[in-house]
């Protein structure tokens, strides 16, 4: 990530990171609530140029994901709906991209344990 993008992300998401609603560097993960019933989670599914692995495998981001996607989902006192989204879907039927086995293996189980609405 370029220095200018890094500065932008820090200025835009640092307060959310301090509150546990975001995880930065490398990549960008954040969540926000819409009313009292819905929480949207953004997951960065890109591959880190520096580490050669998906940024969701970074230890800091993994802890953030586990906190953001608690076991039992709505039974944990959170919103009724948690909807994760990302640029690269875990499952893909398109002719230009294949399914993402790393995400299916390591992230989809977190969606399932948190009883997320996902596709």
PDB file of N, CA and C in Angstrom:
ATOM      1  N   UNK A   1       0.847  -1.160   0.000  1.00  0.00           N
ATOM      2  CA  UNK A   1       0.000   0.000   0.000  1.00  0.00           C
ATOM      3  C   UNK A   1       0.902   1.235   0.000  1.00  0.00           C
ATOM      4  N   UNK A   2       0.560   2.201  -0.817  1.00  0.00           N
ATOM      5  CA  UNK A   2       1.383   3.401  -0.899  1.00  0.00           C
ATOM      6  C   UNK A   2       1.256   4.224   0.383  1.00  0.00           C
ATOM      7  N   UNK A   3       2.222   5.097   0.597  1.00  0.00           N
ATOM      8  CA  UNK A   3       2.219   5.935   1.803  1.00  0.00           C
ATOM      9  C   UNK A   3       0.988   6.835   1.841  1.00  0.00           C
ATOM     10  N   UNK A   4       0.573   7.351   0.676  1.00  0.00           N
ATOM     11  CA  UNK A   4      -0.599   8.237   0.679  1.00  0.00           C
ATOM     12  C   UNK A   4      -1.872   7.472   1.045  1.00  0.00           C
ATOM     13  N   UNK A   5      -2.025   6.228   0.553  1.00  0.00           N
ATOM     14  CA  UNK A   5      -3.188   5.430   0.933  1.00  0.00           C
ATOM     15  C   UNK A   5      -3.136   5.076   2.414  1.00  0.00           C
ATOM     16  N   UNK A   6      -1.961   4.760   2.894  1.00  0.00           N
ATOM     17  CA  UNK A   6      -1.808   4.437   4.307  1.00  0.00           C
ATOM     18  C   UNK A   6      -2.222   5.617   5.177  1.00  0.00           C
ATOM     19  N   UNK A   7      -1.798   6.818   4.808  1.00  0.00           N
ATOM     20  CA  UNK A   7      -2.194   8.023   5.564  1.00  0.00           C
ATOM     21  C   UNK A   7      -3.705   8.226   5.506  1.00  0.00           C
ATOM     22  N   UNK A   8      -4.292   7.995   4.314  1.00  0.00           N
ATOM     23  CA  UNK A   8      -5.741   8.147   4.183  1.00  0.00           C
ATOM     24  C   UNK A   8      -6.471   7.157   5.095  1.00  0.00           C
ATOM     25  N   UNK A   9      -6.073   5.885   5.044  1.00  0.00           N
ATOM     26  CA  UNK A   9      -6.725   4.883   5.887  1.00  0.00           C
ATOM     27  C   UNK A   9      -6.567   5.209   7.361  1.00  0.00           C
ATOM     28  N   UNK A  10      -5.391   5.661   7.753  1.00  0.00           N
ATOM     29  CA  UNK A  10      -5.164   6.033   9.151  1.00  0.00           C
ATOM     30  C   UNK A  10      -6.086   7.183   9.548  1.00  0.00           C
ATOM     31  N   UNK A  11      -6.204   8.211   8.687  1.00  0.00           N
ATOM     32  CA  UNK A  11      -7.050   9.356   9.035  1.00  0.00           C
ATOM     33  C   UNK A  11      -8.527   8.974   9.039  1.00  0.00           C
ATOM     34  N   UNK A  12      -8.927   8.072   8.151  1.00  0.00           N
ATOM     35  CA  UNK A  12     -10.335   7.709   8.017  1.00  0.00           C
ATOM     36  C   UNK A  12     -10.778   6.655   9.038  1.00  0.00           C
ATOM     37  N   UNK A  13      -9.901   5.696   9.375  1.00  0.00           N
ATOM     38  CA  UNK A  13     -10.323   4.551  10.163  1.00  0.00           C
ATOM     39  C   UNK A  13      -9.623   4.392  11.508  1.00  0.00           C
ATOM     40  N   UNK A  14      -8.686   5.259  11.872  1.00  0.00           N
ATOM     41  CA  UNK A  14      -7.932   5.096  13.120  1.00  0.00           C
ATOM     42  C   UNK A  14      -8.856   5.111  14.348  1.00  0.00           C
ATOM     43  N   UNK A  15      -9.801   6.037  14.385  1.00  0.00           N
ATOM     44  CA  UNK A  15     -10.724   6.094  15.535  1.00  0.00           C
ATOM     45  C   UNK A  15     -11.540   4.807  15.637  1.00  0.00           C
ATOM     46  N   UNK A  16     -11.986   4.285  14.494  1.00  0.00           N
ATOM     47  CA  UNK A  16     -12.744   3.026  14.502  1.00  0.00           C
ATOM     48  C   UNK A  16     -11.863   1.873  14.963  1.00  0.00           C
ATOM     49  N   UNK A  17     -10.585   1.903  14.578  1.00  0.00           N
ATOM     50  CA  UNK A  17      -9.671   0.849  15.026  1.00  0.00           C
ATOM     51  C   UNK A  17      -9.497   0.913  16.544  1.00  0.00           C
ATOM     52  N   UNK A  18      -9.356   2.130  17.078  1.00  0.00           N
ATOM     53  CA  UNK A  18      -9.202   2.297  18.523  1.00  0.00           C
ATOM     54  C   UNK A  18     -10.423   1.778  19.284  1.00  0.00           C
ATOM     55  N   UNK A  19     -11.604   1.838  18.647  1.00  0.00           N
ATOM     56  CA  UNK A  19     -12.843   1.372  19.273  1.00  0.00           C
ATOM     57  C   UNK A  19     -13.128  -0.100  18.983  1.00  0.00           C
ATOM     58  N   UNK A  20     -12.249  -0.772  18.236  1.00  0.00           N
ATOM     59  CA  UNK A  20     -12.448  -2.175  17.909  1.00  0.00           C
ATOM     60  C   UNK A  20     -13.352  -2.411  16.713  1.00  0.00           C
ATOM     61  N   UNK A  21     -13.709  -1.338  15.990  1.00  0.00           N
ATOM     62  CA  UNK A  21     -14.593  -1.479  14.832  1.00  0.00           C
ATOM     63  C   UNK A  21     -13.826  -1.586  13.523  1.00  0.00           C
ATOM     64  N   UNK A  22     -12.487  -1.561  13.575  1.00  0.00           N
ATOM     65  CA  UNK A  22     -11.681  -1.686  12.365  1.00  0.00           C
ATOM     66  C   UNK A  22     -10.343  -2.321  12.710  1.00  0.00           C
ATOM     67  N   UNK A  23      -9.684  -2.837  11.677  1.00  0.00           N
ATOM     68  CA  UNK A  23      -8.340  -3.394  11.812  1.00  0.00           C
ATOM     69  C   UNK A  23      -7.573  -2.984  10.562  1.00  0.00           C
ATOM     70  N   UNK A  24      -6.450  -2.303  10.753  1.00  0.00           N
ATOM     71  CA  UNK A  24      -5.690  -1.743   9.642  1.00  0.00           C
ATOM     72  C   UNK A  24      -4.288  -2.308   9.562  1.00  0.00           C
ATOM     73  N   UNK A  25      -3.739  -2.207   8.376  1.00  0.00           N
ATOM     74  CA  UNK A  25      -2.314  -2.368   8.107  1.00  0.00           C
ATOM     75  C   UNK A  25      -1.733  -3.704   8.522  1.00  0.00           C
ATOM     76  N   UNK A  26      -1.613  -4.660   7.652  1.00  0.00           N
ATOM     77  CA  UNK A  26      -1.913  -4.527   6.227  1.00  0.00           C
ATOM     78  C   UNK A  26      -3.402  -4.727   5.963  1.00  0.00           C
ATOM     79  N   UNK A  27      -3.879  -4.113   4.924  1.00  0.00           N
ATOM     80  CA  UNK A  27      -5.272  -4.284   4.532  1.00  0.00           C
ATOM     81  C   UNK A  27      -6.225  -3.413   5.329  1.00  0.00           C
ATOM     82  N   UNK A  28      -7.500  -3.665   5.118  1.00  0.00           N
ATOM     83  CA  UNK A  28      -8.548  -2.879   5.759  1.00  0.00           C
ATOM     84  C   UNK A  28      -9.735  -3.771   6.083  1.00  0.00           C
ATOM     85  N   UNK A  29     -10.071  -3.828   7.339  1.00  0.00           N
ATOM     86  CA  UNK A  29     -11.233  -4.549   7.837  1.00  0.00           C
ATOM     87  C   UNK A  29     -12.025  -3.559   8.681  1.00  0.00           C
ATOM     88  N   UNK A  30     -13.336  -3.492   8.509  1.00  0.00           N
ATOM     89  CA  UNK A  30     -14.135  -2.598   9.346  1.00  0.00           C
ATOM     90  C   UNK A  30     -15.558  -3.109   9.433  1.00  0.00           C
ATOM     91  N   UNK A  31     -16.277  -2.580  10.407  1.00  0.00           N
ATOM     92  CA  UNK A  31     -17.686  -2.923  10.570  1.00  0.00           C
ATOM     93  C   UNK A  31     -18.443  -1.693  11.021  1.00  0.00           C
ATOM     94  N   UNK A  32     -19.721  -1.659  10.657  1.00  0.00           N
ATOM     95  CA  UNK A  32     -20.570  -0.560  11.100  1.00  0.00           C
ATOM     96  C   UNK A  32     -21.983  -1.081  11.268  1.00  0.00           C
ATOM     97  N   UNK A  33     -22.683  -0.460  12.186  1.00  0.00           N
ATOM     98  CA  UNK A  33     -24.044  -0.871  12.494  1.00  0.00           C
ATOM     99  C   UNK A  33     -25.027   0.052  11.779  1.00  0.00           C
ATOM    100  N   UNK A  34     -26.099  -0.547  11.260  1.00  0.00           N
ATOM    101  CA  UNK A  34     -27.185   0.174  10.609  1.00  0.00           C
ATOM    102  C   UNK A  34     -28.416  -0.064  11.468  1.00  0.00           C
ATOM    103  N   UNK A  35     -28.803   0.958  12.226  1.00  0.00           N
ATOM    104  CA  UNK A  35     -29.897   0.773  13.164  1.00  0.00           C
ATOM    105  C   UNK A  35     -29.494  -0.189  14.266  1.00  0.00           C
ATOM    106  N   UNK A  36     -30.476  -0.846  14.857  1.00  0.00           N
ATOM    107  CA  UNK A  36     -30.158  -1.776  15.948  1.00  0.00           C
ATOM    108  C   UNK A  36     -30.131  -3.231  15.491  1.00  0.00           C
ATOM    109  N   UNK A  37     -30.530  -3.495  14.243  1.00  0.00           N
ATOM    110  CA  UNK A  37     -30.678  -4.874  13.804  1.00  0.00           C
ATOM    111  C   UNK A  37     -29.605  -5.382  12.839  1.00  0.00           C
ATOM    112  N   UNK A  38     -28.825  -4.489  12.250  1.00  0.00           N
ATOM    113  CA  UNK A  38     -27.930  -4.893  11.177  1.00  0.00           C
ATOM    114  C   UNK A  38     -26.508  -4.395  11.393  1.00  0.00           C
ATOM    115  N   UNK A  39     -25.541  -5.300  11.223  1.00  0.00           N
ATOM    116  CA  UNK A  39     -24.129  -4.935  11.231  1.00  0.00           C
ATOM    117  C   UNK A  39     -23.510  -5.427   9.931  1.00  0.00           C
ATOM    118  N   UNK A  40     -22.770  -4.538   9.263  1.00  0.00           N
ATOM    119  CA  UNK A  40     -22.084  -4.847   8.014  1.00  0.00           C
ATOM    120  C   UNK A  40     -20.596  -4.970   8.326  1.00  0.00           C
ATOM    121  N   UNK A  41     -19.963  -6.029   7.844  1.00  0.00           N
ATOM    122  CA  UNK A  41     -18.529  -6.249   8.058  1.00  0.00           C
ATOM    123  C   UNK A  41     -17.815  -6.292   6.710  1.00  0.00           C
ATOM    124  N   UNK A  42     -16.765  -5.498   6.567  1.00  0.00           N
ATOM    125  CA  UNK A  42     -15.936  -5.509   5.369  1.00  0.00           C
ATOM    126  C   UNK A  42     -14.668  -6.292   5.659  1.00  0.00           C
ATOM    127  N   UNK A  43     -14.405  -7.305   4.860  1.00  0.00           N
ATOM    128  CA  UNK A  43     -13.203  -8.129   5.004  1.00  0.00           C
ATOM    129  C   UNK A  43     -12.302  -7.910   3.805  1.00  0.00           C
ATOM    130  N   UNK A  44     -11.036  -7.692   4.065  1.00  0.00           N
ATOM    131  CA  UNK A  44     -10.052  -7.538   2.996  1.00  0.00           C
ATOM    132  C   UNK A  44      -9.581  -8.929   2.586  1.00  0.00           C
ATOM    133  N   UNK A  45      -9.803  -9.295   1.328  1.00  0.00           N
ATOM    134  CA  UNK A  45      -9.448 -10.627   0.856  1.00  0.00           C
ATOM    135  C   UNK A  45      -8.278 -10.595  -0.125  1.00  0.00           C
ATOM    136  N   UNK A  46      -7.572  -9.460  -0.178  1.00  0.00           N
ATOM    137  CA  UNK A  46      -6.435  -9.382  -1.082  1.00  0.00           C
ATOM    138  C   UNK A  46      -5.242 -10.147  -0.530  1.00  0.00           C
ATOM    139  N   UNK A  47      -4.283 -10.382  -1.392  1.00  0.00           N
ATOM    140  CA  UNK A  47      -3.055 -11.068  -1.005  1.00  0.00           C
ATOM    141  C   UNK A  47      -1.996 -10.000  -0.722  1.00  0.00           C
ATOM    142  N   UNK A  48      -1.347 -10.070   0.404  1.00  0.00           N
ATOM    143  CA  UNK A  48      -0.332  -9.096   0.798  1.00  0.00           C
ATOM    144  C   UNK A  48       0.908  -9.248  -0.069  1.00  0.00           C
ATOM    145  N   UNK A  49       1.309  -8.157  -0.707  1.00  0.00           N
ATOM    146  CA  UNK A  49       2.515  -8.186  -1.537  1.00  0.00           C
ATOM    147  C   UNK A  49       3.757  -8.450  -0.701  1.00  0.00           C
ATOM    148  N   UNK A  50       3.769  -7.953   0.523  1.00  0.00           N
ATOM    149  CA  UNK A  50       4.950  -8.068   1.371  1.00  0.00           C
ATOM    150  C   UNK A  50       5.085  -9.458   1.989  1.00  0.00           C
ATOM    151  N   UNK A  51       3.958 -10.048   2.370  1.00  0.00           N
ATOM    152  CA  UNK A  51       3.999 -11.332   3.075  1.00  0.00           C
ATOM    153  C   UNK A  51       3.694 -12.520   2.181  1.00  0.00           C
ATOM    154  N   UNK A  52       3.073 -12.280   1.028  1.00  0.00           N
ATOM    155  CA  UNK A  52       2.723 -13.367   0.127  1.00  0.00           C
ATOM    156  C   UNK A  52       1.565 -14.224   0.602  1.00  0.00           C
ATOM    157  N   UNK A  53       0.780 -13.729   1.549  1.00  0.00           N
ATOM    158  CA  UNK A  53      -0.388 -14.447   2.068  1.00  0.00           C
ATOM    159  C   UNK A  53      -1.582 -13.491   2.072  1.00  0.00           C
ATOM    160  N   UNK A  54      -2.749 -14.051   2.210  1.00  0.00           N
ATOM    161  CA  UNK A  54      -3.951 -13.211   2.298  1.00  0.00           C
ATOM    162  C   UNK A  54      -3.920 -12.419   3.596  1.00  0.00           C
ATOM    163  N   UNK A  55      -4.346 -11.169   3.526  1.00  0.00           N
ATOM    164  CA  UNK A  55      -4.273 -10.337   4.724  1.00  0.00           C
ATOM    165  C   UNK A  55      -5.210 -10.831   5.820  1.00  0.00           C
ATOM    166  N   UNK A  56      -6.245 -11.605   5.482  1.00  0.00           N
ATOM    167  CA  UNK A  56      -7.108 -12.142   6.549  1.00  0.00           C
ATOM    168  C   UNK A  56      -6.384 -13.197   7.377  1.00  0.00           C
ATOM    169  N   UNK A  57      -5.214 -13.645   6.928  1.00  0.00           N
ATOM    170  CA  UNK A  57      -4.411 -14.592   7.711  1.00  0.00           C
ATOM    171  C   UNK A  57      -3.473 -13.894   8.693  1.00  0.00           C
ATOM    172  N   UNK A  58      -3.365 -12.579   8.614  1.00  0.00           N
ATOM    173  CA  UNK A  58      -2.547 -11.823   9.567  1.00  0.00           C
ATOM    174  C   UNK A  58      -3.114 -12.028  10.978  1.00  0.00           C
ATOM    175  N   UNK A  59      -2.254 -12.275  11.955  1.00  0.00           N
ATOM    176  CA  UNK A  59      -2.709 -12.572  13.325  1.00  0.00           C
ATOM    177  C   UNK A  59      -3.632 -11.497  13.885  1.00  0.00           C
ATOM    178  N   UNK A  60      -3.282 -10.229  13.680  1.00  0.00           N
ATOM    179  CA  UNK A  60      -4.093  -9.127  14.210  1.00  0.00           C
ATOM    180  C   UNK A  60      -5.482  -9.137  13.585  1.00  0.00           C
ATOM    181  N   UNK A  61      -5.553  -9.345  12.270  1.00  0.00           N
ATOM    182  CA  UNK A  61      -6.847  -9.373  11.591  1.00  0.00           C
ATOM    183  C   UNK A  61      -7.646 -10.615  11.981  1.00  0.00           C
ATOM    184  N   UNK A  62      -6.967 -11.711  12.179  1.00  0.00           N
ATOM    185  CA  UNK A  62      -7.652 -12.946  12.577  1.00  0.00           C
ATOM    186  C   UNK A  62      -8.345 -12.762  13.931  1.00  0.00           C
ATOM    187  N   UNK A  63      -7.637 -12.131  14.875  1.00  0.00           N
ATOM    188  CA  UNK A  63      -8.257 -11.848  16.190  1.00  0.00           C
ATOM    189  C   UNK A  63      -9.454 -10.920  16.023  1.00  0.00           C
ATOM    190  N   UNK A  64      -9.317  -9.900  15.167  1.00  0.00           N
ATOM    191  CA  UNK A  64     -10.416  -8.959  14.927  1.00  0.00           C
ATOM    192  C   UNK A  64     -11.615  -9.702  14.347  1.00  0.00           C
ATOM    193  N   UNK A  65     -11.370 -10.575  13.364  1.00  0.00           N
ATOM    194  CA  UNK A  65     -12.456 -11.351  12.761  1.00  0.00           C
ATOM    195  C   UNK A  65     -13.148 -12.245  13.781  1.00  0.00           C
ATOM    196  N   UNK A  66     -12.376 -12.890  14.626  1.00  0.00           N
ATOM    197  CA  UNK A  66     -12.963 -13.765  15.643  1.00  0.00           C
ATOM    198  C   UNK A  66     -13.819 -12.972  16.633  1.00  0.00           C
ATOM    199  N   UNK A  67     -13.409 -11.754  16.967  1.00  0.00           N
ATOM    200  CA  UNK A  67     -14.212 -10.892  17.849  1.00  0.00           C
ATOM    201  C   UNK A  67     -15.449 -10.362  17.129  1.00  0.00           C
ATOM    202  N   UNK A  68     -15.296 -10.008  15.850  1.00  0.00           N
ATOM    203  CA  UNK A  68     -16.406  -9.438  15.082  1.00  0.00           C
ATOM    204  C   UNK A  68     -17.448 -10.488  14.701  1.00  0.00           C
ATOM    205  N   UNK A  69     -17.024 -11.753  14.662  1.00  0.00           N
ATOM    206  CA  UNK A  69     -17.918 -12.855  14.298  1.00  0.00           C
ATOM    207  C   UNK A  69     -18.000 -13.842  15.458  1.00  0.00           C
ATOM    208  N   UNK A  70     -18.683 -13.453  16.548  1.00  0.00           N
ATOM    209  CA  UNK A  70     -18.705 -14.290  17.758  1.00  0.00           C
ATOM    210  C   UNK A  70     -19.518 -15.569  17.575  1.00  0.00           C
ATOM    211  N   UNK A  71     -19.128 -16.570  18.302  1.00  0.00           N
ATOM    212  CA  UNK A  71     -19.848 -17.847  18.307  1.00  0.00           C
ATOM    213  C   UNK A  71     -21.317 -17.606  18.670  1.00  0.00           C
ATOM    214  N   UNK A  72     -22.213 -18.155  17.881  1.00  0.00           N
ATOM    215  CA  UNK A  72     -23.632 -18.052  18.184  1.00  0.00           C
ATOM    216  C   UNK A  72     -24.320 -16.845  17.591  1.00  0.00           C
ATOM    217  N   UNK A  73     -23.563 -15.921  17.033  1.00  0.00           N
ATOM    218  CA  UNK A  73     -24.153 -14.776  16.341  1.00  0.00           C
ATOM    219  C   UNK A  73     -25.083 -13.960  17.201  1.00  0.00           C
ATOM    220  N   UNK A  74     -26.362 -13.898  16.832  1.00  0.00           N
ATOM    221  CA  UNK A  74     -27.317 -13.029  17.514  1.00  0.00           C
ATOM    222  C   UNK A  74     -27.557 -13.428  18.957  1.00  0.00           C
ATOM    223  N   UNK A  75     -27.304 -14.672  19.277  1.00  0.00           N
ATOM    224  CA  UNK A  75     -27.461 -15.119  20.656  1.00  0.00           C
ATOM    225  C   UNK A  75     -26.422 -14.500  21.584  1.00  0.00           C
ATOM    226  N   UNK A  76     -25.403 -13.859  21.006  1.00  0.00           N
ATOM    227  CA  UNK A  76     -24.347 -13.255  21.816  1.00  0.00           C
ATOM    228  C   UNK A  76     -24.665 -11.811  22.208  1.00  0.00           C
ATOM    229  N   UNK A  77     -25.888 -11.354  21.961  1.00  0.00           N
ATOM    230  CA  UNK A  77     -26.281 -10.000  22.339  1.00  0.00           C
ATOM    231  C   UNK A  77     -25.998  -8.960  21.279  1.00  0.00           C
ATOM    232  N   UNK A  78     -25.577  -9.385  20.106  1.00  0.00           N
ATOM    233  CA  UNK A  78     -25.288  -8.457  19.012  1.00  0.00           C
ATOM    234  C   UNK A  78     -26.522  -8.183  18.178  1.00  0.00           C
ATOM    235  N   UNK A  79     -26.309  -7.599  17.009  1.00  0.00           N
ATOM    236  CA  UNK A  79     -27.430  -7.310  16.117  1.00  0.00           C
ATOM    237  C   UNK A  79     -28.074  -8.591  15.589  1.00  0.00           C
ATOM    238  N   UNK A  80     -29.294  -8.488  15.121  1.00  0.00           N
ATOM    239  CA  UNK A  80     -30.003  -9.657  14.596  1.00  0.00           C
ATOM    240  C   UNK A  80     -29.352 -10.174  13.313  1.00  0.00           C
ATOM    241  N   UNK A  81     -28.766  -9.271  12.532  1.00  0.00           N
ATOM    242  CA  UNK A  81     -28.140  -9.645  11.263  1.00  0.00           C
ATOM    243  C   UNK A  81     -26.716  -9.140  11.210  1.00  0.00           C
ATOM    244  N   UNK A  82     -25.786 -10.009  10.826  1.00  0.00           N
ATOM    245  CA  UNK A  82     -24.402  -9.629  10.514  1.00  0.00           C
ATOM    246  C   UNK A  82     -24.158 -10.068   9.077  1.00  0.00           C
ATOM    247  N   UNK A  83     -23.795  -9.122   8.236  1.00  0.00           N
ATOM    248  CA  UNK A  83     -23.565  -9.445   6.832  1.00  0.00           C
ATOM    249  C   UNK A  83     -22.135  -9.070   6.457  1.00  0.00           C
ATOM    250  N   UNK A  84     -21.284 -10.077   6.246  1.00  0.00           N
ATOM    251  CA  UNK A  84     -19.923  -9.802   5.801  1.00  0.00           C
ATOM    252  C   UNK A  84     -19.900  -9.609   4.280  1.00  0.00           C
ATOM    253  N   UNK A  85     -18.984  -8.745   3.816  1.00  0.00           N
ATOM    254  CA  UNK A  85     -18.792  -8.614   2.377  1.00  0.00           C
ATOM    255  C   UNK A  85     -17.314  -8.416   2.086  1.00  0.00           C
ATOM    256  N   UNK A  86     -16.932  -8.742   0.868  1.00  0.00           N
ATOM    257  CA  UNK A  86     -15.543  -8.601   0.449  1.00  0.00           C
ATOM    258  C   UNK A  86     -15.491  -8.512  -1.074  1.00  0.00           C
ATOM    259  N   UNK A  87     -14.359  -8.104  -1.582  1.00  0.00           N
ATOM    260  CA  UNK A  87     -14.195  -7.947  -3.034  1.00  0.00           C
ATOM    261  C   UNK A  87     -14.100  -9.296  -3.743  1.00  0.00           C
ATOM    262  N   UNK A  88     -13.445 -10.249  -3.125  1.00  0.00           N
ATOM    263  CA  UNK A  88     -13.275 -11.582  -3.715  1.00  0.00           C
ATOM    264  C   UNK A  88     -14.179 -12.569  -2.981  1.00  0.00           C
ATOM    265  N   UNK A  89     -15.258 -13.025  -3.606  1.00  0.00           N
ATOM    266  CA  UNK A  89     -16.154 -13.953  -2.911  1.00  0.00           C
ATOM    267  C   UNK A  89     -15.495 -15.312  -2.701  1.00  0.00           C
ATOM    268  N   UNK A  90     -15.902 -15.979  -1.642  1.00  0.00           N
ATOM    269  CA  UNK A  90     -15.368 -17.318  -1.357  1.00  0.00           C
ATOM    270  C   UNK A  90     -15.747 -18.293  -2.467  1.00  0.00           C
ATOM    271  N   UNK A  91     -16.995 -18.227  -2.897  1.00  0.00           N
ATOM    272  CA  UNK A  91     -17.487 -19.112  -3.939  1.00  0.00           C
ATOM    273  C   UNK A  91     -17.776 -18.297  -5.186  1.00  0.00           C
ATOM    274  N   UNK A  92     -17.344 -18.764  -6.327  1.00  0.00           N
ATOM    275  CA  UNK A  92     -17.535 -18.022  -7.565  1.00  0.00           C
ATOM    276  C   UNK A  92     -17.891 -18.980  -8.692  1.00  0.00           C
ATOM    277  N   UNK A  93     -18.887 -18.622  -9.463  1.00  0.00           N
ATOM    278  CA  UNK A  93     -19.288 -19.441 -10.601  1.00  0.00           C
ATOM    279  C   UNK A  93     -18.916 -18.762 -11.916  1.00  0.00           C
ATOM    280  N   UNK A  94     -18.270 -17.615 -11.821  1.00  0.00           N
ATOM    281  CA  UNK A  94     -17.936 -16.851 -13.025  1.00  0.00           C
ATOM    282  C   UNK A  94     -16.801 -17.472 -13.822  1.00  0.00           C
ATOM    283  N   UNK A  95     -16.724 -17.144 -15.086  1.00  0.00           N
ATOM    284  CA  UNK A  95     -15.697 -17.733 -15.945  1.00  0.00           C
ATOM    285  C   UNK A  95     -14.298 -17.131 -15.744  1.00  0.00           C
ATOM    286  N   UNK A  96     -14.196 -15.983 -15.098  1.00  0.00           N
ATOM    287  CA  UNK A  96     -12.900 -15.302 -14.983  1.00  0.00           C
ATOM    288  C   UNK A  96     -12.209 -15.513 -13.639  1.00  0.00           C
ATOM    289  N   UNK A  97     -12.924 -15.990 -12.655  1.00  0.00           N
ATOM    290  CA  UNK A  97     -12.343 -16.186 -11.327  1.00  0.00           C
ATOM    291  C   UNK A  97     -12.798 -17.533 -10.771  1.00  0.00           C
ATOM    292  N   UNK A  98     -11.938 -18.135 -10.019  1.00  0.00           N
ATOM    293  CA  UNK A  98     -12.270 -19.398  -9.382  1.00  0.00           C
ATOM    294  C   UNK A  98     -12.676 -19.151  -7.936  1.00  0.00           C
ATOM    295  N   UNK A  99     -13.205 -20.192  -7.300  1.00  0.00           N
ATOM    296  CA  UNK A  99     -13.486 -20.096  -5.866  1.00  0.00           C
ATOM    297  C   UNK A  99     -12.178 -19.811  -5.129  1.00  0.00           C
ATOM    298  N   UNK A 100     -12.294 -19.314  -3.931  1.00  0.00           N
ATOM    299  CA  UNK A 100     -11.121 -18.942  -3.148  1.00  0.00           C
ATOM    300  C   UNK A 100     -10.960 -19.931  -2.000  1.00  0.00           C
ATOM    301  N   UNK A 101     -10.210 -21.029  -2.203  1.00  0.00           N
ATOM    302  CA  UNK A 101     -10.140 -22.083  -1.186  1.00  0.00           C
ATOM    303  C   UNK A 101      -9.594 -21.616   0.160  1.00  0.00           C
ATOM    304  N   UNK A 102      -8.680 -20.644   0.161  1.00  0.00           N
ATOM    305  CA  UNK A 102      -8.148 -20.134   1.436  1.00  0.00           C
ATOM    306  C   UNK A 102      -9.250 -19.487   2.269  1.00  0.00           C
ATOM    307  N   UNK A 103     -10.119 -18.760   1.610  1.00  0.00           N
ATOM    308  CA  UNK A 103     -11.234 -18.119   2.318  1.00  0.00           C
ATOM    309  C   UNK A 103     -12.270 -19.163   2.751  1.00  0.00           C
ATOM    310  N   UNK A 104     -12.534 -20.138   1.884  1.00  0.00           N
ATOM    311  CA  UNK A 104     -13.487 -21.194   2.229  1.00  0.00           C
ATOM    312  C   UNK A 104     -12.995 -21.953   3.457  1.00  0.00           C
ATOM    313  N   UNK A 105     -11.706 -22.208   3.519  1.00  0.00           N
ATOM    314  CA  UNK A 105     -11.132 -22.980   4.622  1.00  0.00           C
ATOM    315  C   UNK A 105     -11.018 -22.184   5.922  1.00  0.00           C
ATOM    316  N   UNK A 106     -10.655 -20.888   5.831  1.00  0.00           N
ATOM    317  CA  UNK A 106     -10.315 -20.148   7.050  1.00  0.00           C
ATOM    318  C   UNK A 106     -11.290 -19.040   7.451  1.00  0.00           C
ATOM    319  N   UNK A 107     -12.123 -18.563   6.528  1.00  0.00           N
ATOM    320  CA  UNK A 107     -13.040 -17.475   6.874  1.00  0.00           C
ATOM    321  C   UNK A 107     -14.499 -17.943   6.911  1.00  0.00           C
ATOM    322  N   UNK A 108     -14.899 -18.753   5.946  1.00  0.00           N
ATOM    323  CA  UNK A 108     -16.292 -19.232   5.911  1.00  0.00           C
ATOM    324  C   UNK A 108     -16.686 -19.923   7.225  1.00  0.00           C
ATOM    325  N   UNK A 109     -15.805 -20.706   7.864  1.00  0.00           N
ATOM    326  CA  UNK A 109     -16.197 -21.283   9.162  1.00  0.00           C
ATOM    327  C   UNK A 109     -16.529 -20.217  10.218  1.00  0.00           C
ATOM    328  N   UNK A 110     -15.890 -19.051  10.146  1.00  0.00           N
ATOM    329  CA  UNK A 110     -16.236 -17.968  11.080  1.00  0.00           C
ATOM    330  C   UNK A 110     -17.624 -17.421  10.781  1.00  0.00           C
ATOM    331  N   UNK A 111     -17.981 -17.327   9.487  1.00  0.00           N
ATOM    332  CA  UNK A 111     -19.339 -16.905   9.127  1.00  0.00           C
ATOM    333  C   UNK A 111     -20.354 -17.889   9.698  1.00  0.00           C
ATOM    334  N   UNK A 112     -20.063 -19.155   9.526  1.00  0.00           N
ATOM    335  CA  UNK A 112     -21.007 -20.188   9.968  1.00  0.00           C
ATOM    336  C   UNK A 112     -21.174 -20.200  11.483  1.00  0.00           C
ATOM    337  N   UNK A 113     -20.078 -20.087  12.214  1.00  0.00           N
ATOM    338  CA  UNK A 113     -20.187 -20.132  13.680  1.00  0.00           C
ATOM    339  C   UNK A 113     -20.917 -18.910  14.222  1.00  0.00           C
ATOM    340  N   UNK A 114     -20.837 -17.788  13.489  1.00  0.00           N
ATOM    341  CA  UNK A 114     -21.528 -16.565  13.915  1.00  0.00           C
ATOM    342  C   UNK A 114     -22.937 -16.472  13.335  1.00  0.00           C
ATOM    343  N   UNK A 115     -23.362 -17.494  12.618  1.00  0.00           N
ATOM    344  CA  UNK A 115     -24.693 -17.558  12.015  1.00  0.00           C
ATOM    345  C   UNK A 115     -24.937 -16.307  11.186  1.00  0.00           C
ATOM    346  N   UNK A 116     -24.005 -16.000  10.282  1.00  0.00           N
ATOM    347  CA  UNK A 116     -24.103 -14.821   9.423  1.00  0.00           C
ATOM    348  C   UNK A 116     -24.993 -15.078   8.221  1.00  0.00           C
ATOM    349  N   UNK A 117     -25.550 -13.994   7.713  1.00  0.00           N
ATOM    350  CA  UNK A 117     -26.206 -14.028   6.420  1.00  0.00           C
ATOM    351  C   UNK A 117     -25.097 -13.785   5.402  1.00  0.00           C
ATOM    352  N   UNK A 118     -24.809 -14.771   4.579  1.00  0.00           N
ATOM    353  CA  UNK A 118     -23.725 -14.617   3.617  1.00  0.00           C
ATOM    354  C   UNK A 118     -24.048 -15.417   2.370  1.00  0.00           C
ATOM    355  N   UNK A 119     -23.381 -15.070   1.316  1.00  0.00           N
ATOM    356  CA  UNK A 119     -23.542 -15.835   0.072  1.00  0.00           C
ATOM    357  C   UNK A 119     -22.290 -15.716  -0.742  1.00  0.00           C
TER     358      UNK A 119
END
